[in-house]
Amino acid sequence: QVQLVESGGGLVQAGGSLRLSCAASGSIGSFNVMGWYRQAPGKRRELVAVIMTDGRTNYADSVKGRFTISGDNAKNAVYLQMNSLKPEDTAVYYCNAVKIGVWPPYWGQGTQVTVSS
């Protein structure tokens, strides 16, 4: 059974930094896309950033220039470096992984990120 395990969330002051990590356990081979989504209280889950196996990335406009996604295909791992954090970045962050031909996508359990003003 495949599981995505996240780590690195926490409480930080505005302007600070955090690094989220996500690693997959279980036999799945390589994912085609891995990424991060977030959900704030009372809001819908939204895309933060994704990375493809060829290294292409895509970011939400709200995090461009502040967040950087990276991946390790060999480890089936994905990371999110978050700099210049703002209170509006406060949310539960979820790791997501997609493998072509497998549905539904895989989700982590979520990790809380809280940015104080």
N, C-alpha and C. Protein backbone atom coordinates (compact mmCIF):
# COMPACT_ATOMS: atom_id res chain seq x y z
N GLN A 1 0.84 -1.19 0.00
CA GLN A 1 0.00 0.00 0.00
C GLN A 1 0.88 1.24 0.00
N VAL A 2 0.55 2.18 -0.86
CA VAL A 2 1.34 3.40 -0.99
C VAL A 2 0.85 4.44 -0.01
N GLN A 3 1.78 5.07 0.68
CA GLN A 3 1.46 6.18 1.58
C GLN A 3 2.39 7.34 1.31
N LEU A 4 1.85 8.54 1.42
CA LEU A 4 2.64 9.76 1.35
C LEU A 4 2.77 10.32 2.76
N VAL A 5 4.00 10.53 3.19
CA VAL A 5 4.24 11.00 4.55
C VAL A 5 4.88 12.38 4.48
N GLU A 6 4.19 13.35 5.08
CA GLU A 6 4.67 14.73 5.07
C GLU A 6 5.33 15.08 6.39
N SER A 7 6.21 16.07 6.33
CA SER A 7 6.82 16.60 7.54
C SER A 7 7.27 18.03 7.26
N GLY A 8 7.52 18.78 8.35
CA GLY A 8 8.09 20.10 8.21
C GLY A 8 7.17 21.25 8.49
N GLY A 9 5.90 21.00 8.76
CA GLY A 9 5.00 22.10 9.09
C GLY A 9 5.31 22.67 10.46
N GLY A 10 4.62 23.76 10.81
CA GLY A 10 4.83 24.36 12.12
C GLY A 10 4.35 25.79 12.17
N LEU A 11 4.77 26.47 13.22
CA LEU A 11 4.40 27.86 13.47
C LEU A 11 5.60 28.75 13.19
N VAL A 12 5.38 29.80 12.42
CA VAL A 12 6.47 30.70 12.08
C VAL A 12 5.92 32.12 11.99
N GLN A 13 6.77 33.09 12.25
CA GLN A 13 6.35 34.49 12.14
C GLN A 13 6.36 34.92 10.67
N ALA A 14 5.58 35.91 10.38
CA ALA A 14 5.55 36.46 9.03
C ALA A 14 6.96 36.87 8.61
N GLY A 15 7.28 36.54 7.37
CA GLY A 15 8.62 36.80 6.87
C GLY A 15 9.58 35.65 7.04
N GLY A 16 9.16 34.66 7.81
CA GLY A 16 10.02 33.51 8.06
C GLY A 16 9.93 32.46 6.97
N SER A 17 10.60 31.33 7.22
CA SER A 17 10.69 30.26 6.22
C SER A 17 10.38 28.91 6.86
N LEU A 18 9.87 28.02 6.03
CA LEU A 18 9.67 26.63 6.39
C LEU A 18 9.96 25.77 5.18
N ARG A 19 10.32 24.53 5.43
CA ARG A 19 10.55 23.57 4.34
C ARG A 19 9.71 22.33 4.61
N LEU A 20 8.85 22.02 3.67
CA LEU A 20 8.01 20.83 3.77
C LEU A 20 8.64 19.70 2.97
N SER A 21 8.50 18.49 3.50
CA SER A 21 9.00 17.31 2.81
C SER A 21 7.89 16.28 2.69
N CYS A 22 7.94 15.51 1.63
CA CYS A 22 6.97 14.44 1.42
C CYS A 22 7.67 13.28 0.76
N ALA A 23 7.51 12.11 1.33
CA ALA A 23 8.13 10.92 0.75
C ALA A 23 7.08 9.82 0.65
N ALA A 24 7.18 9.05 -0.40
CA ALA A 24 6.24 7.95 -0.62
C ALA A 24 6.83 6.64 -0.14
N SER A 25 6.00 5.87 0.52
CA SER A 25 6.41 4.52 0.92
C SER A 25 5.55 3.51 0.18
N GLY A 26 6.08 2.33 -0.03
CA GLY A 26 5.34 1.32 -0.77
C GLY A 26 5.84 1.21 -2.19
N SER A 27 5.46 0.16 -2.84
CA SER A 27 5.93 -0.11 -4.19
C SER A 27 4.98 0.48 -5.21
N ILE A 28 5.43 1.54 -5.87
CA ILE A 28 4.57 2.22 -6.85
C ILE A 28 5.33 2.56 -8.11
N GLY A 29 6.63 2.45 -8.08
CA GLY A 29 7.42 2.93 -9.19
C GLY A 29 7.50 4.43 -9.09
N SER A 30 7.72 5.09 -10.18
CA SER A 30 7.87 6.54 -10.17
C SER A 30 6.55 7.22 -10.47
N PHE A 31 6.29 8.28 -9.74
CA PHE A 31 5.14 9.12 -10.03
C PHE A 31 5.43 10.01 -11.23
N ASN A 32 4.40 10.42 -11.92
CA ASN A 32 4.55 11.33 -13.05
C ASN A 32 4.52 12.80 -12.62
N VAL A 33 3.73 13.07 -11.60
CA VAL A 33 3.61 14.44 -11.08
C VAL A 33 3.52 14.36 -9.56
N MET A 34 4.24 15.23 -8.89
CA MET A 34 4.09 15.38 -7.44
C MET A 34 3.90 16.86 -7.13
N GLY A 35 3.20 17.12 -6.06
CA GLY A 35 2.97 18.52 -5.76
C GLY A 35 2.41 18.76 -4.39
N TRP A 36 2.09 20.01 -4.16
CA TRP A 36 1.55 20.47 -2.88
C TRP A 36 0.27 21.26 -3.12
N TYR A 37 -0.71 20.99 -2.28
CA TYR A 37 -1.95 21.74 -2.24
C TYR A 37 -2.13 22.23 -0.82
N ARG A 38 -3.02 23.19 -0.65
CA ARG A 38 -3.30 23.68 0.71
C ARG A 38 -4.77 24.01 0.86
N GLN A 39 -5.23 23.94 2.09
CA GLN A 39 -6.61 24.25 2.40
C GLN A 39 -6.67 25.04 3.70
N ALA A 40 -7.16 26.27 3.58
CA ALA A 40 -7.35 27.12 4.74
C ALA A 40 -8.76 26.92 5.28
N PRO A 41 -9.00 27.23 6.54
CA PRO A 41 -10.34 27.05 7.12
C PRO A 41 -11.41 27.78 6.32
N GLY A 42 -12.46 27.07 5.96
CA GLY A 42 -13.56 27.66 5.23
C GLY A 42 -13.32 27.88 3.76
N LYS A 43 -12.17 27.41 3.27
CA LYS A 43 -11.85 27.60 1.85
C LYS A 43 -11.65 26.25 1.17
N ARG A 44 -11.69 26.28 -0.16
CA ARG A 44 -11.47 25.07 -0.94
C ARG A 44 -9.98 24.77 -1.01
N ARG A 45 -9.68 23.49 -1.20
CA ARG A 45 -8.29 23.10 -1.39
C ARG A 45 -7.79 23.69 -2.71
N GLU A 46 -6.56 24.24 -2.68
CA GLU A 46 -6.03 24.88 -3.86
C GLU A 46 -4.61 24.40 -4.15
N LEU A 47 -4.25 24.46 -5.42
CA LEU A 47 -2.91 24.07 -5.83
C LEU A 47 -1.91 25.12 -5.37
N VAL A 48 -0.78 24.64 -4.84
CA VAL A 48 0.32 25.53 -4.48
C VAL A 48 1.43 25.42 -5.54
N ALA A 49 1.89 24.21 -5.79
CA ALA A 49 2.96 24.00 -6.75
C ALA A 49 3.01 22.52 -7.12
N VAL A 50 3.39 22.25 -8.37
CA VAL A 50 3.58 20.88 -8.82
C VAL A 50 4.88 20.79 -9.61
N ILE A 51 5.43 19.58 -9.66
CA ILE A 51 6.65 19.33 -10.42
C ILE A 51 6.49 18.01 -11.16
N MET A 52 6.88 18.04 -12.45
CA MET A 52 6.82 16.84 -13.25
C MET A 52 8.16 16.11 -13.20
N THR A 53 8.19 14.88 -13.68
CA THR A 53 9.43 14.10 -13.61
C THR A 53 10.53 14.71 -14.46
N ASP A 54 10.16 15.51 -15.48
CA ASP A 54 11.19 16.15 -16.30
C ASP A 54 11.66 17.47 -15.72
N GLY A 55 11.15 17.81 -14.54
CA GLY A 55 11.60 19.02 -13.85
C GLY A 55 10.74 20.25 -14.06
N ARG A 56 9.79 20.16 -14.99
CA ARG A 56 8.91 21.33 -15.18
C ARG A 56 8.08 21.55 -13.92
N THR A 57 7.87 22.84 -13.63
CA THR A 57 7.12 23.22 -12.43
C THR A 57 6.00 24.18 -12.78
N ASN A 58 5.04 24.24 -11.87
CA ASN A 58 3.95 25.19 -12.00
C ASN A 58 3.59 25.67 -10.60
N TYR A 59 3.37 26.98 -10.48
CA TYR A 59 3.08 27.58 -9.18
C TYR A 59 1.79 28.39 -9.23
N ALA A 60 1.14 28.44 -8.10
CA ALA A 60 0.04 29.39 -7.94
C ALA A 60 0.61 30.81 -7.96
N ASP A 61 -0.13 31.74 -8.52
CA ASP A 61 0.36 33.11 -8.60
C ASP A 61 0.70 33.67 -7.22
N SER A 62 -0.05 33.27 -6.23
CA SER A 62 0.12 33.83 -4.89
C SER A 62 1.45 33.43 -4.23
N VAL A 63 2.11 32.41 -4.76
CA VAL A 63 3.35 31.96 -4.12
C VAL A 63 4.57 32.12 -5.02
N LYS A 64 4.37 32.55 -6.24
CA LYS A 64 5.49 32.72 -7.18
C LYS A 64 6.52 33.68 -6.61
N GLY A 65 7.78 33.30 -6.70
CA GLY A 65 8.85 34.13 -6.20
C GLY A 65 9.14 33.93 -4.72
N ARG A 66 8.27 33.22 -4.02
CA ARG A 66 8.47 32.99 -2.58
C ARG A 66 8.67 31.50 -2.27
N PHE A 67 7.98 30.64 -3.00
CA PHE A 67 8.04 29.20 -2.75
C PHE A 67 8.81 28.53 -3.89
N THR A 68 9.53 27.45 -3.55
CA THR A 68 10.24 26.68 -4.55
C THR A 68 9.97 25.19 -4.33
N ILE A 69 9.51 24.53 -5.38
CA ILE A 69 9.25 23.09 -5.29
C ILE A 69 10.43 22.36 -5.93
N SER A 70 10.80 21.24 -5.34
CA SER A 70 11.85 20.39 -5.90
C SER A 70 11.47 18.94 -5.65
N GLY A 71 12.10 18.06 -6.40
CA GLY A 71 11.76 16.65 -6.27
C GLY A 71 12.97 15.75 -6.40
N ASP A 72 12.79 14.53 -5.94
CA ASP A 72 13.81 13.50 -6.06
C ASP A 72 13.11 12.26 -6.62
N ASN A 73 13.27 12.03 -7.92
CA ASN A 73 12.55 10.93 -8.57
C ASN A 73 12.95 9.58 -7.98
N ALA A 74 14.22 9.43 -7.65
CA ALA A 74 14.71 8.14 -7.15
C ALA A 74 14.06 7.79 -5.80
N LYS A 75 13.78 8.83 -5.02
CA LYS A 75 13.19 8.62 -3.69
C LYS A 75 11.68 8.80 -3.69
N ASN A 76 11.11 9.16 -4.84
CA ASN A 76 9.69 9.49 -4.87
C ASN A 76 9.36 10.51 -3.78
N ALA A 77 10.16 11.56 -3.76
CA ALA A 77 10.01 12.59 -2.74
C ALA A 77 9.82 13.96 -3.38
N VAL A 78 9.14 14.83 -2.67
CA VAL A 78 8.95 16.20 -3.13
C VAL A 78 9.11 17.13 -1.94
N TYR A 79 9.64 18.32 -2.21
CA TYR A 79 9.92 19.28 -1.16
C TYR A 79 9.33 20.64 -1.55
N LEU A 80 9.03 21.43 -0.53
CA LEU A 80 8.53 22.78 -0.78
C LEU A 80 9.24 23.73 0.17
N GLN A 81 10.11 24.56 -0.39
CA GLN A 81 10.78 25.59 0.38
C GLN A 81 9.91 26.84 0.34
N MET A 82 9.50 27.28 1.51
CA MET A 82 8.61 28.43 1.61
C MET A 82 9.32 29.57 2.31
N ASN A 83 9.54 30.65 1.59
CA ASN A 83 10.20 31.84 2.13
C ASN A 83 9.23 33.01 2.16
N SER A 84 9.59 34.03 2.90
CA SER A 84 8.77 35.24 3.00
C SER A 84 7.31 34.90 3.28
N LEU A 85 7.12 34.05 4.25
CA LEU A 85 5.76 33.58 4.54
C LEU A 85 4.87 34.72 5.03
N LYS A 86 3.59 34.62 4.66
CA LYS A 86 2.60 35.62 5.03
C LYS A 86 1.49 34.95 5.83
N PRO A 87 0.78 35.69 6.65
CA PRO A 87 -0.34 35.09 7.41
C PRO A 87 -1.35 34.39 6.49
N GLU A 88 -1.54 34.89 5.29
CA GLU A 88 -2.48 34.26 4.37
C GLU A 88 -1.99 32.92 3.82
N ASP A 89 -0.75 32.55 4.13
CA ASP A 89 -0.24 31.22 3.76
C ASP A 89 -0.66 30.17 4.78
N THR A 90 -1.27 30.59 5.87
CA THR A 90 -1.71 29.65 6.90
C THR A 90 -2.74 28.68 6.34
N ALA A 91 -2.46 27.39 6.47
CA ALA A 91 -3.35 26.37 5.92
C ALA A 91 -2.79 25.00 6.29
N VAL A 92 -3.58 23.98 6.00
CA VAL A 92 -3.06 22.61 6.01
C VAL A 92 -2.52 22.32 4.63
N TYR A 93 -1.29 21.89 4.56
CA TYR A 93 -0.63 21.61 3.29
C TYR A 93 -0.63 20.10 3.05
N TYR A 94 -1.06 19.73 1.85
CA TYR A 94 -1.18 18.32 1.49
C TYR A 94 -0.25 17.98 0.33
N CYS A 95 0.44 16.88 0.47
CA CYS A 95 1.25 16.34 -0.60
C CYS A 95 0.35 15.53 -1.53
N ASN A 96 0.63 15.61 -2.82
CA ASN A 96 -0.17 14.92 -3.83
C ASN A 96 0.76 14.25 -4.83
N ALA A 97 0.37 13.07 -5.28
CA ALA A 97 1.18 12.36 -6.27
C ALA A 97 0.27 11.68 -7.29
N VAL A 98 0.66 11.78 -8.54
CA VAL A 98 -0.12 11.23 -9.64
C VAL A 98 0.74 10.28 -10.46
N LYS A 99 0.17 9.11 -10.72
CA LYS A 99 0.83 8.15 -11.61
C LYS A 99 -0.14 7.83 -12.72
N ILE A 100 0.29 8.03 -13.94
CA ILE A 100 -0.58 7.79 -15.09
C ILE A 100 -1.08 6.36 -15.06
N GLY A 101 -2.41 6.22 -15.21
CA GLY A 101 -3.03 4.90 -15.19
C GLY A 101 -3.54 4.47 -13.83
N VAL A 102 -3.26 5.27 -12.80
CA VAL A 102 -3.71 4.95 -11.45
C VAL A 102 -4.65 6.05 -10.98
N TRP A 103 -5.83 5.67 -10.54
CA TRP A 103 -6.82 6.63 -10.04
C TRP A 103 -7.44 6.06 -8.77
N PRO A 104 -7.68 6.87 -7.73
CA PRO A 104 -7.45 8.31 -7.68
C PRO A 104 -5.99 8.64 -7.37
N PRO A 105 -5.63 9.90 -7.43
CA PRO A 105 -4.28 10.30 -7.03
C PRO A 105 -4.06 10.01 -5.55
N TYR A 106 -2.81 10.01 -5.16
CA TYR A 106 -2.46 9.77 -3.77
C TYR A 106 -2.36 11.11 -3.01
N TRP A 107 -2.78 11.07 -1.75
CA TRP A 107 -2.73 12.26 -0.89
C TRP A 107 -2.06 11.91 0.44
N GLY A 108 -1.30 12.86 0.95
CA GLY A 108 -0.78 12.73 2.30
C GLY A 108 -1.84 13.13 3.31
N GLN A 109 -1.47 13.01 4.59
CA GLN A 109 -2.44 13.28 5.66
C GLN A 109 -2.54 14.77 5.96
N GLY A 110 -1.61 15.55 5.46
CA GLY A 110 -1.63 16.99 5.68
C GLY A 110 -0.72 17.41 6.83
N THR A 111 -0.15 18.57 6.68
CA THR A 111 0.68 19.15 7.74
C THR A 111 0.32 20.63 7.90
N GLN A 112 0.15 21.05 9.15
CA GLN A 112 -0.33 22.41 9.43
C GLN A 112 0.82 23.41 9.33
N VAL A 113 0.57 24.47 8.61
CA VAL A 113 1.48 25.61 8.55
C VAL A 113 0.72 26.83 9.07
N THR A 114 1.26 27.46 10.10
CA THR A 114 0.64 28.63 10.69
C THR A 114 1.63 29.78 10.68
N VAL A 115 1.23 30.89 10.09
CA VAL A 115 2.09 32.07 10.00
C VAL A 115 1.46 33.17 10.83
N SER A 116 2.15 33.61 11.84
CA SER A 116 1.63 34.66 12.72
C SER A 116 2.09 36.03 12.23
N SER A 117 1.23 37.01 12.47
CA SER A 117 1.56 38.37 12.02
C SER A 117 2.31 39.14 13.07
